[in-house]
Amino acid sequence: MKRALIVAFAIFLLAATIVSFRFSNRESSSPPPSPSPTAPVVQKYIPSASQSMRSSAASSPASPEDRAKATRLLSAADLESRKQLLDFHRSTQRDLRRLIEERAAPDLKLALAAQSAEGLVSKSAAEQVAAFDTLHHLASSDGKAAALACLKSNSTPEVAAAAIAYLGRINAHEAFDAVHKLGMESTNEGAKATALRNLVLVGGVSHPAEVMEVLEPALSDPSPRIQAEALRTMGRFPDKISPAARARIEELSKTPQVGAVNLGDSARMLLAQLDALKKINLGSKPQHEAQQREGL
């Protein structure tokens, strides 16, 4: 009876921890409304991939006049108003682009996605980031080929991060190799952090060994943001964490909070998940042995 209670408690703890990790990973696919670069996630200080794109595409708040114009054009049904709306979307700031994207009818969303995909050929990094931002929000696959090409070219780190986040949003598994390479080799904090965050979303579940070869060195990266992203993603592969990685996680669990950075909490959460999984395995072992003895 006592063992059954221990196993039940361990299962509850593991389930709660996994739900927490998975909920935080959704931020890559469902960006929160706030543009703050320190929006709460599992570690409560890591900017998500979509937030990184927002910071690059951010601008001053829209004026009441521009908001009224967007609302008027959205409510109009004639072709000229639609053309004006597409032009306005292409040139306006991010919060109004979001307003238009959220209120647009399905056919207009298709047109916005097509226009954004065309904008990816621009030589302006800011325009490319804005285009990926719209495609990310609309979850359109129209820009997939261009995003894959960006990761294989000499794109700026900001464009690469936006492309990775977008590819993660549409679960483009064919991007895994490129995202893995950037996660291993990039020296830019934003691009590397975005790569670590999106490894699972671009098919990393099917490549656990390759994912871990990126994550384990990241635990010792000088950037707390990189370390935190590694801890977050490792939560999806608890049975693949090596003894050396576990030792490093235990070291990070003793890290004091500095400002908004709280690596210690993140590491302790992951350790709790690992301990719960261990208890489940230990609790199920006697039952398995008993079944074998009984010939079941």
C-alpha atoms as a PDB file:
ATOM      1  CA  MET A   1       0.000   0.000   0.000  1.00  0.00           C
ATOM      2  CA  LYS A   2       2.811   2.393   0.954  1.00  0.00           C
ATOM      3  CA  ARG A   3       4.654   1.674  -2.288  1.00  0.00           C
ATOM      4  CA  ALA A   4       1.478   2.281  -4.304  1.00  0.00           C
ATOM      5  CA  LEU A   5       1.049   5.696  -2.665  1.00  0.00           C
ATOM      6  CA  ILE A   6       4.669   6.612  -3.432  1.00  0.00           C
ATOM      7  CA  VAL A   7       4.266   5.607  -7.085  1.00  0.00           C
ATOM      8  CA  ALA A   8       0.987   7.543  -7.375  1.00  0.00           C
ATOM      9  CA  PHE A   9       2.590  10.674  -5.914  1.00  0.00           C
ATOM     10  CA  ALA A  10       5.596  10.346  -8.236  1.00  0.00           C
ATOM     11  CA  ILE A  11       3.320  10.032 -11.279  1.00  0.00           C
ATOM     12  CA  PHE A  12       1.418  13.153 -10.213  1.00  0.00           C
ATOM     13  CA  LEU A  13       4.650  15.133  -9.746  1.00  0.00           C
ATOM     14  CA  LEU A  14       6.053  14.017 -13.106  1.00  0.00           C
ATOM     15  CA  ALA A  15       2.813  14.846 -14.925  1.00  0.00           C
ATOM     16  CA  ALA A  16       2.686  18.328 -13.385  1.00  0.00           C
ATOM     17  CA  THR A  17       6.285  19.025 -14.341  1.00  0.00           C
ATOM     18  CA  ILE A  18       5.885  17.808 -17.932  1.00  0.00           C
ATOM     19  CA  VAL A  19       2.736  19.905 -18.373  1.00  0.00           C
ATOM     20  CA  SER A  20       4.679  22.949 -17.180  1.00  0.00           C
ATOM     21  CA  PHE A  21       7.491  22.337 -19.694  1.00  0.00           C
ATOM     22  CA  ARG A  22       5.105  21.690 -22.568  1.00  0.00           C
ATOM     23  CA  PHE A  23       3.005  24.739 -21.781  1.00  0.00           C
ATOM     24  CA  SER A  24       6.092  26.926 -21.904  1.00  0.00           C
ATOM     25  CA  ASN A  25       7.110  25.461 -25.272  1.00  0.00           C
ATOM     26  CA  ARG A  26       3.801  26.574 -26.771  1.00  0.00           C
ATOM     27  CA  GLU A  27       4.970  30.143 -26.612  1.00  0.00           C
ATOM     28  CA  SER A  28       6.942  29.539 -29.775  1.00  0.00           C
ATOM     29  CA  SER A  29       3.685  28.766 -31.562  1.00  0.00           C
ATOM     30  CA  SER A  30       1.301  31.104 -29.747  1.00  0.00           C
ATOM     31  CA  PRO A  31       2.975  34.411 -28.972  1.00  0.00           C
ATOM     32  CA  PRO A  32       1.572  36.295 -25.978  1.00  0.00           C
ATOM     33  CA  PRO A  33       0.176  39.769 -26.494  1.00  0.00           C
ATOM     34  CA  SER A  34       2.805  41.616 -24.496  1.00  0.00           C
ATOM     35  CA  PRO A  35       5.953  42.728 -26.366  1.00  0.00           C
ATOM     36  CA  SER A  36       8.044  42.621 -23.200  1.00  0.00           C
ATOM     37  CA  PRO A  37      11.416  40.876 -23.774  1.00  0.00           C
ATOM     38  CA  THR A  38      11.070  39.284 -20.341  1.00  0.00           C
ATOM     39  CA  ALA A  39       7.664  37.661 -20.633  1.00  0.00           C
ATOM     40  CA  PRO A  40       7.127  34.817 -18.130  1.00  0.00           C
ATOM     41  CA  VAL A  41       7.981  31.350 -19.347  1.00  0.00           C
ATOM     42  CA  VAL A  42       9.267  28.319 -17.458  1.00  0.00           C
ATOM     43  CA  GLN A  43      12.350  30.216 -16.360  1.00  0.00           C
ATOM     44  CA  LYS A  44      10.362  33.476 -16.109  1.00  0.00           C
ATOM     45  CA  TYR A  45      12.948  35.491 -17.937  1.00  0.00           C
ATOM     46  CA  ILE A  46      13.681  33.958 -21.319  1.00  0.00           C
ATOM     47  CA  PRO A  47      12.365  35.845 -24.339  1.00  0.00           C
ATOM     48  CA  SER A  48      10.571  33.395 -26.551  1.00  0.00           C
ATOM     49  CA  ALA A  49      11.368  33.017 -30.213  1.00  0.00           C
ATOM     50  CA  SER A  50       8.266  34.985 -31.158  1.00  0.00           C
ATOM     51  CA  GLN A  51       9.224  37.690 -28.656  1.00  0.00           C
ATOM     52  CA  SER A  52      12.654  37.976 -30.269  1.00  0.00           C
ATOM     53  CA  MET A  53      10.923  38.615 -33.560  1.00  0.00           C
ATOM     54  CA  ARG A  54       8.709  41.229 -31.916  1.00  0.00           C
ATOM     55  CA  SER A  55      11.646  43.128 -30.497  1.00  0.00           C
ATOM     56  CA  SER A  56      13.146  43.364 -33.987  1.00  0.00           C
ATOM     57  CA  ALA A  57       9.860  44.443 -35.542  1.00  0.00           C
ATOM     58  CA  ALA A  58       8.806  46.755 -32.729  1.00  0.00           C
ATOM     59  CA  SER A  59       7.975  50.400 -33.292  1.00  0.00           C
ATOM     60  CA  SER A  60       6.115  53.198 -31.575  1.00  0.00           C
ATOM     61  CA  PRO A  61       2.417  52.601 -30.778  1.00  0.00           C
ATOM     62  CA  ALA A  62      -0.021  53.297 -33.583  1.00  0.00           C
ATOM     63  CA  SER A  63      -1.834  56.602 -33.578  1.00  0.00           C
ATOM     64  CA  PRO A  64      -5.636  56.724 -33.145  1.00  0.00           C
ATOM     65  CA  GLU A  65      -5.872  57.943 -36.733  1.00  0.00           C
ATOM     66  CA  ASP A  66      -4.011  54.897 -38.061  1.00  0.00           C
ATOM     67  CA  ARG A  67      -6.141  52.572 -35.953  1.00  0.00           C
ATOM     68  CA  ALA A  68      -9.273  54.198 -37.303  1.00  0.00           C
ATOM     69  CA  LYS A  69      -7.924  53.798 -40.847  1.00  0.00           C
ATOM     70  CA  ALA A  70      -7.230  50.107 -40.335  1.00  0.00           C
ATOM     71  CA  THR A  71     -10.696  49.553 -38.883  1.00  0.00           C
ATOM     72  CA  ARG A  72     -12.332  51.424 -41.770  1.00  0.00           C
ATOM     73  CA  LEU A  73     -10.434  49.471 -44.420  1.00  0.00           C
ATOM     74  CA  LEU A  74     -11.217  46.168 -42.698  1.00  0.00           C
ATOM     75  CA  SER A  75     -14.927  46.926 -42.735  1.00  0.00           C
ATOM     76  CA  ALA A  76     -14.967  47.887 -46.426  1.00  0.00           C
ATOM     77  CA  ALA A  77     -15.779  45.254 -49.052  1.00  0.00           C
ATOM     78  CA  ASP A  78     -14.598  46.882 -52.294  1.00  0.00           C
ATOM     79  CA  LEU A  79     -11.413  45.841 -54.101  1.00  0.00           C
ATOM     80  CA  GLU A  80      -9.793  49.259 -53.828  1.00  0.00           C
ATOM     81  CA  SER A  81     -10.108  49.227 -50.033  1.00  0.00           C
ATOM     82  CA  ARG A  82      -8.620  45.736 -49.971  1.00  0.00           C
ATOM     83  CA  LYS A  83      -5.628  46.924 -52.021  1.00  0.00           C
ATOM     84  CA  GLN A  84      -5.175  49.884 -49.685  1.00  0.00           C
ATOM     85  CA  LEU A  85      -5.348  47.572 -46.677  1.00  0.00           C
ATOM     86  CA  LEU A  86      -2.637  45.307 -48.079  1.00  0.00           C
ATOM     87  CA  ASP A  87      -0.414  48.305 -48.754  1.00  0.00           C
ATOM     88  CA  PHE A  88      -1.131  49.679 -45.286  1.00  0.00           C
ATOM     89  CA  HIS A  89      -0.296  46.338 -43.669  1.00  0.00           C
ATOM     90  CA  ARG A  90       3.036  46.218 -45.481  1.00  0.00           C
ATOM     91  CA  SER A  91       4.119  49.674 -44.325  1.00  0.00           C
ATOM     92  CA  THR A  92       2.607  50.057 -40.864  1.00  0.00           C
ATOM     93  CA  GLN A  93       3.927  49.166 -37.397  1.00  0.00           C
ATOM     94  CA  ARG A  94       3.600  45.776 -35.799  1.00  0.00           C
ATOM     95  CA  ASP A  95       0.605  46.362 -33.537  1.00  0.00           C
ATOM     96  CA  LEU A  96      -1.511  47.454 -36.489  1.00  0.00           C
ATOM     97  CA  ARG A  97      -0.285  44.555 -38.595  1.00  0.00           C
ATOM     98  CA  ARG A  98      -1.437  42.279 -35.782  1.00  0.00           C
ATOM     99  CA  LEU A  99      -4.827  44.023 -35.641  1.00  0.00           C
ATOM    100  CA  ILE A 100      -5.315  43.529 -39.369  1.00  0.00           C
ATOM    101  CA  GLU A 101      -4.190  39.893 -39.276  1.00  0.00           C
ATOM    102  CA  GLU A 102      -6.516  39.024 -36.397  1.00  0.00           C
ATOM    103  CA  ARG A 103      -9.593  40.682 -37.889  1.00  0.00           C
ATOM    104  CA  ALA A 104      -9.030  39.723 -41.510  1.00  0.00           C
ATOM    105  CA  ALA A 105     -11.447  37.380 -43.267  1.00  0.00           C
ATOM    106  CA  PRO A 106      -9.973  34.025 -44.407  1.00  0.00           C
ATOM    107  CA  ASP A 107      -9.423  35.177 -48.006  1.00  0.00           C
ATOM    108  CA  LEU A 108      -7.668  38.332 -46.805  1.00  0.00           C
ATOM    109  CA  LYS A 109      -5.416  36.274 -44.535  1.00  0.00           C
ATOM    110  CA  LEU A 110      -4.357  34.266 -47.577  1.00  0.00           C
ATOM    111  CA  ALA A 111      -3.548  37.491 -49.406  1.00  0.00           C
ATOM    112  CA  LEU A 112      -1.574  38.806 -46.409  1.00  0.00           C
ATOM    113  CA  ALA A 113       0.433  35.580 -46.265  1.00  0.00           C
ATOM    114  CA  ALA A 114       1.176  35.703 -49.984  1.00  0.00           C
ATOM    115  CA  GLN A 115       2.258  39.325 -49.734  1.00  0.00           C
ATOM    116  CA  SER A 116       4.523  38.551 -46.777  1.00  0.00           C
ATOM    117  CA  ALA A 117       6.115  35.644 -48.629  1.00  0.00           C
ATOM    118  CA  GLU A 118       6.893  38.003 -51.495  1.00  0.00           C
ATOM    119  CA  GLY A 119       8.433  40.409 -48.974  1.00  0.00           C
ATOM    120  CA  LEU A 120      11.043  37.824 -48.007  1.00  0.00           C
ATOM    121  CA  VAL A 121      13.013  38.663 -51.159  1.00  0.00           C
ATOM    122  CA  SER A 122      13.650  42.144 -49.772  1.00  0.00           C
ATOM    123  CA  LYS A 123      17.246  43.114 -49.029  1.00  0.00           C
ATOM    124  CA  SER A 124      16.072  44.847 -45.853  1.00  0.00           C
ATOM    125  CA  ALA A 125      16.523  42.685 -42.746  1.00  0.00           C
ATOM    126  CA  ALA A 126      13.755  44.616 -40.967  1.00  0.00           C
ATOM    127  CA  GLU A 127      11.309  43.872 -43.797  1.00  0.00           C
ATOM    128  CA  GLN A 128      12.272  40.197 -43.798  1.00  0.00           C
ATOM    129  CA  VAL A 129      11.777  39.945 -40.036  1.00  0.00           C
ATOM    130  CA  ALA A 130       8.373  41.659 -40.341  1.00  0.00           C
ATOM    131  CA  ALA A 131       7.379  39.251 -43.124  1.00  0.00           C
ATOM    132  CA  PHE A 132       8.372  36.208 -41.060  1.00  0.00           C
ATOM    133  CA  ASP A 133       6.494  37.701 -38.122  1.00  0.00           C
ATOM    134  CA  THR A 134       3.269  37.842 -40.125  1.00  0.00           C
ATOM    135  CA  LEU A 135       3.754  34.345 -41.563  1.00  0.00           C
ATOM    136  CA  HIS A 136       4.462  33.091 -38.031  1.00  0.00           C
ATOM    137  CA  HIS A 137       1.263  34.648 -36.700  1.00  0.00           C
ATOM    138  CA  LEU A 138      -0.847  33.349 -39.581  1.00  0.00           C
ATOM    139  CA  ALA A 139       0.846  29.902 -39.411  1.00  0.00           C
ATOM    140  CA  SER A 140       1.119  30.007 -43.190  1.00  0.00           C
ATOM    141  CA  SER A 141       3.518  27.711 -45.031  1.00  0.00           C
ATOM    142  CA  ASP A 142       3.916  30.207 -47.888  1.00  0.00           C
ATOM    143  CA  GLY A 143       7.354  31.272 -46.675  1.00  0.00           C
ATOM    144  CA  LYS A 144       8.765  27.820 -45.880  1.00  0.00           C
ATOM    145  CA  ALA A 145      11.131  27.592 -48.848  1.00  0.00           C
ATOM    146  CA  ALA A 146      12.450  31.105 -48.270  1.00  0.00           C
ATOM    147  CA  ALA A 147      12.951  30.418 -44.549  1.00  0.00           C
ATOM    148  CA  LEU A 148      14.921  27.256 -45.274  1.00  0.00           C
ATOM    149  CA  ALA A 149      17.037  29.199 -47.751  1.00  0.00           C
ATOM    150  CA  CYS A 150      17.675  31.889 -45.121  1.00  0.00           C
ATOM    151  CA  LEU A 151      19.171  29.333 -42.750  1.00  0.00           C
ATOM    152  CA  LYS A 152      21.583  28.154 -45.439  1.00  0.00           C
ATOM    153  CA  SER A 153      22.688  31.659 -46.457  1.00  0.00           C
ATOM    154  CA  ASN A 154      24.535  34.473 -44.725  1.00  0.00           C
ATOM    155  CA  SER A 155      21.396  36.002 -43.234  1.00  0.00           C
ATOM    156  CA  THR A 156      21.692  38.362 -40.294  1.00  0.00           C
ATOM    157  CA  PRO A 157      21.180  36.768 -36.860  1.00  0.00           C
ATOM    158  CA  GLU A 158      17.866  38.614 -36.510  1.00  0.00           C
ATOM    159  CA  VAL A 159      16.558  37.210 -39.797  1.00  0.00           C
ATOM    160  CA  ALA A 160      17.855  33.730 -38.956  1.00  0.00           C
ATOM    161  CA  ALA A 161      16.106  33.818 -35.563  1.00  0.00           C
ATOM    162  CA  ALA A 162      12.854  34.969 -37.187  1.00  0.00           C
ATOM    163  CA  ALA A 163      13.117  32.207 -39.803  1.00  0.00           C
ATOM    164  CA  ILE A 164      13.751  29.539 -37.138  1.00  0.00           C
ATOM    165  CA  ALA A 165      10.811  30.690 -35.033  1.00  0.00           C
ATOM    166  CA  TYR A 166       8.568  30.668 -38.084  1.00  0.00           C
ATOM    167  CA  LEU A 167       9.704  27.183 -39.128  1.00  0.00           C
ATOM    168  CA  GLY A 168       9.053  25.978 -35.597  1.00  0.00           C
ATOM    169  CA  ARG A 169       5.580  27.493 -35.725  1.00  0.00           C
ATOM    170  CA  ILE A 170       4.674  25.467 -38.817  1.00  0.00           C
ATOM    171  CA  ASN A 171       6.526  22.355 -37.535  1.00  0.00           C
ATOM    172  CA  ALA A 172       8.807  22.186 -40.568  1.00  0.00           C
ATOM    173  CA  HIS A 173      10.733  18.986 -39.800  1.00  0.00           C
ATOM    174  CA  GLU A 174      12.874  19.428 -42.888  1.00  0.00           C
ATOM    175  CA  ALA A 175      14.500  22.362 -41.078  1.00  0.00           C
ATOM    176  CA  PHE A 176      15.929  20.178 -38.304  1.00  0.00           C
ATOM    177  CA  ASP A 177      19.442  19.835 -39.737  1.00  0.00           C
ATOM    178  CA  ALA A 178      19.802  23.579 -40.319  1.00  0.00           C
ATOM    179  CA  VAL A 179      18.404  24.479 -36.898  1.00  0.00           C
ATOM    180  CA  HIS A 180      20.649  21.863 -35.281  1.00  0.00           C
ATOM    181  CA  LYS A 181      23.684  23.343 -37.064  1.00  0.00           C
ATOM    182  CA  LEU A 182      22.853  26.862 -35.889  1.00  0.00           C
ATOM    183  CA  GLY A 183      22.288  25.598 -32.374  1.00  0.00           C
ATOM    184  CA  MET A 184      25.732  24.047 -32.417  1.00  0.00           C
ATOM    185  CA  GLU A 185      27.688  26.760 -34.214  1.00  0.00           C
ATOM    186  CA  SER A 186      25.996  30.149 -33.878  1.00  0.00           C
ATOM    187  CA  THR A 187      27.822  32.717 -31.766  1.00  0.00           C
ATOM    188  CA  ASN A 188      24.822  35.054 -31.671  1.00  0.00           C
ATOM    189  CA  GLU A 189      22.843  34.722 -28.453  1.00  0.00           C
ATOM    190  CA  GLY A 190      19.449  35.445 -30.000  1.00  0.00           C
ATOM    191  CA  ALA A 191      19.835  33.075 -32.949  1.00  0.00           C
ATOM    192  CA  LYS A 192      21.294  30.297 -30.785  1.00  0.00           C
ATOM    193  CA  ALA A 193      18.599  30.624 -28.113  1.00  0.00           C
ATOM    194  CA  THR A 194      15.870  30.523 -30.761  1.00  0.00           C
ATOM    195  CA  ALA A 195      17.445  27.426 -32.299  1.00  0.00           C
ATOM    196  CA  LEU A 196      17.523  25.621 -28.931  1.00  0.00           C
ATOM    197  CA  ARG A 197      13.927  26.557 -28.228  1.00  0.00           C
ATOM    198  CA  ASN A 198      12.657  25.287 -31.573  1.00  0.00           C
ATOM    199  CA  LEU A 199      14.622  22.046 -31.909  1.00  0.00           C
ATOM    200  CA  VAL A 200      11.633  20.012 -30.719  1.00  0.00           C
ATOM    201  CA  LEU A 201       9.184  21.888 -32.941  1.00  0.00           C
ATOM    202  CA  VAL A 202      11.190  21.139 -36.102  1.00  0.00           C
ATOM    203  CA  GLY A 203      11.317  17.410 -35.460  1.00  0.00           C
ATOM    204  CA  GLY A 204      13.804  16.984 -32.634  1.00  0.00           C
ATOM    205  CA  VAL A 205      11.656  14.332 -30.961  1.00  0.00           C
ATOM    206  CA  SER A 206      12.767  11.962 -33.718  1.00  0.00           C
ATOM    207  CA  HIS A 207      16.436  12.882 -33.197  1.00  0.00           C
ATOM    208  CA  PRO A 208      17.024  12.786 -29.436  1.00  0.00           C
ATOM    209  CA  ALA A 209      20.750  12.032 -29.658  1.00  0.00           C
ATOM    210  CA  GLU A 210      21.360  14.969 -31.994  1.00  0.00           C
ATOM    211  CA  VAL A 211      19.297  17.279 -29.799  1.00  0.00           C
ATOM    212  CA  MET A 212      21.228  16.303 -26.683  1.00  0.00           C
ATOM    213  CA  GLU A 213      24.571  16.940 -28.385  1.00  0.00           C
ATOM    214  CA  VAL A 214      23.426  20.548 -28.774  1.00  0.00           C
ATOM    215  CA  LEU A 215      21.869  20.918 -25.330  1.00  0.00           C
ATOM    216  CA  GLU A 216      24.566  19.441 -23.101  1.00  0.00           C
ATOM    217  CA  PRO A 217      27.319  21.921 -24.118  1.00  0.00           C
ATOM    218  CA  ALA A 218      24.764  24.736 -23.882  1.00  0.00           C
ATOM    219  CA  LEU A 219      24.433  24.067 -20.137  1.00  0.00           C
ATOM    220  CA  SER A 220      27.932  25.536 -19.778  1.00  0.00           C
ATOM    221  CA  ASP A 221      27.429  28.441 -22.171  1.00  0.00           C
ATOM    222  CA  PRO A 222      28.412  31.818 -20.662  1.00  0.00           C
ATOM    223  CA  SER A 223      24.944  33.163 -21.491  1.00  0.00           C
ATOM    224  CA  PRO A 224      22.265  32.466 -18.845  1.00  0.00           C
ATOM    225  CA  ARG A 225      19.667  32.727 -21.588  1.00  0.00           C
ATOM    226  CA  ILE A 226      21.314  29.894 -23.533  1.00  0.00           C
ATOM    227  CA  GLN A 227      21.626  27.793 -20.383  1.00  0.00           C
ATOM    228  CA  ALA A 228      17.955  28.330 -19.596  1.00  0.00           C
ATOM    229  CA  GLU A 229      16.831  27.358 -23.092  1.00  0.00           C
ATOM    230  CA  ALA A 230      18.893  24.164 -22.771  1.00  0.00           C
ATOM    231  CA  LEU A 231      17.200  23.344 -19.454  1.00  0.00           C
ATOM    232  CA  ARG A 232      13.783  23.990 -20.950  1.00  0.00           C
ATOM    233  CA  THR A 233      14.296  21.730 -23.949  1.00  0.00           C
ATOM    234  CA  MET A 234      15.974  18.992 -21.893  1.00  0.00           C
ATOM    235  CA  GLY A 235      12.679  18.636 -20.060  1.00  0.00           C
ATOM    236  CA  ARG A 236      11.362  16.930 -23.189  1.00  0.00           C
ATOM    237  CA  PHE A 237      14.082  14.272 -23.043  1.00  0.00           C
ATOM    238  CA  PRO A 238      14.430  13.305 -19.363  1.00  0.00           C
ATOM    239  CA  ASP A 239      15.492   9.740 -20.136  1.00  0.00           C
ATOM    240  CA  LYS A 240      18.342  10.962 -22.379  1.00  0.00           C
ATOM    241  CA  ILE A 241      20.111  13.134 -19.801  1.00  0.00           C
ATOM    242  CA  SER A 242      23.603  11.788 -19.114  1.00  0.00           C
ATOM    243  CA  PRO A 243      25.200  11.620 -15.634  1.00  0.00           C
ATOM    244  CA  ALA A 244      27.520  14.489 -16.634  1.00  0.00           C
ATOM    245  CA  ALA A 245      24.567  16.626 -17.724  1.00  0.00           C
ATOM    246  CA  ARG A 246      22.730  15.781 -14.493  1.00  0.00           C
ATOM    247  CA  ALA A 247      25.756  16.908 -12.495  1.00  0.00           C
ATOM    248  CA  ARG A 248      25.785  20.204 -14.384  1.00  0.00           C
ATOM    249  CA  ILE A 249      22.044  20.672 -13.780  1.00  0.00           C
ATOM    250  CA  GLU A 250      22.661  20.151 -10.055  1.00  0.00           C
ATOM    251  CA  GLU A 251      25.329  22.867 -10.192  1.00  0.00           C
ATOM    252  CA  LEU A 252      22.899  25.228 -11.917  1.00  0.00           C
ATOM    253  CA  SER A 253      20.248  24.464  -9.287  1.00  0.00           C
ATOM    254  CA  LYS A 254      22.448  26.297  -6.780  1.00  0.00           C
ATOM    255  CA  THR A 255      22.683  29.410  -8.952  1.00  0.00           C
ATOM    256  CA  PRO A 256      21.316  32.448  -7.092  1.00  0.00           C
ATOM    257  CA  GLN A 257      18.797  34.667  -8.789  1.00  0.00           C
ATOM    258  CA  VAL A 258      20.325  37.763 -10.365  1.00  0.00           C
ATOM    259  CA  GLY A 259      17.699  40.314 -11.315  1.00  0.00           C
ATOM    260  CA  ALA A 260      15.121  38.544 -13.458  1.00  0.00           C
ATOM    261  CA  VAL A 261      17.443  35.620 -14.148  1.00  0.00           C
ATOM    262  CA  ASN A 262      16.520  32.513 -12.167  1.00  0.00           C
ATOM    263  CA  LEU A 263      18.444  29.558 -13.505  1.00  0.00           C
ATOM    264  CA  GLY A 264      18.284  27.881 -10.110  1.00  0.00           C
ATOM    265  CA  ASP A 265      14.505  27.488 -10.228  1.00  0.00           C
ATOM    266  CA  SER A 266      14.629  26.096 -13.753  1.00  0.00           C
ATOM    267  CA  ALA A 267      17.300  23.567 -12.845  1.00  0.00           C
ATOM    268  CA  ARG A 268      15.446  22.497  -9.698  1.00  0.00           C
ATOM    269  CA  MET A 269      12.254  21.999 -11.711  1.00  0.00           C
ATOM    270  CA  LEU A 270      14.077  19.726 -14.124  1.00  0.00           C
ATOM    271  CA  LEU A 271      15.683  17.798 -11.254  1.00  0.00           C
ATOM    272  CA  ALA A 272      12.240  17.291  -9.721  1.00  0.00           C
ATOM    273  CA  GLN A 273      11.047  15.849 -13.026  1.00  0.00           C
ATOM    274  CA  LEU A 274      14.029  13.484 -13.150  1.00  0.00           C
ATOM    275  CA  ASP A 275      13.487  12.383  -9.537  1.00  0.00           C
ATOM    276  CA  ALA A 276       9.798  11.731 -10.169  1.00  0.00           C
ATOM    277  CA  LEU A 277      10.633   9.646 -13.225  1.00  0.00           C
ATOM    278  CA  LYS A 278      13.160   7.660 -11.178  1.00  0.00           C
ATOM    279  CA  LYS A 279      10.564   6.938  -8.483  1.00  0.00           C
ATOM    280  CA  ILE A 280       8.112   5.703 -11.081  1.00  0.00           C
ATOM    281  CA  ASN A 281      10.717   3.377 -12.540  1.00  0.00           C
ATOM    282  CA  LEU A 282      11.686   2.075  -9.097  1.00  0.00           C
ATOM    283  CA  GLY A 283       8.050   1.608  -8.111  1.00  0.00           C
ATOM    284  CA  SER A 284       7.194  -0.331 -11.256  1.00  0.00           C
ATOM    285  CA  LYS A 285      10.254  -2.609 -11.085  1.00  0.00           C
ATOM    286  CA  PRO A 286       9.020  -4.855  -8.213  1.00  0.00           C
ATOM    287  CA  GLN A 287       5.658  -5.234  -9.927  1.00  0.00           C
ATOM    288  CA  HIS A 288       7.369  -6.215 -13.182  1.00  0.00           C
ATOM    289  CA  GLU A 289       9.551  -8.744 -11.364  1.00  0.00           C
ATOM    290  CA  ALA A 290       6.526 -10.207  -9.610  1.00  0.00           C
ATOM    291  CA  GLN A 291       4.725 -10.590 -12.921  1.00  0.00           C
ATOM    292  CA  GLN A 292       7.737 -12.378 -14.376  1.00  0.00           C
ATOM    293  CA  ARG A 293       7.824 -14.777 -11.406  1.00  0.00           C
ATOM    294  CA  GLU A 294       4.124 -15.504 -11.908  1.00  0.00           C
ATOM    295  CA  GLY A 295       4.689 -16.082 -15.615  1.00  0.00           C
ATOM    296  CA  LEU A 296       2.577 -13.108 -16.695  1.00  0.00           C
END
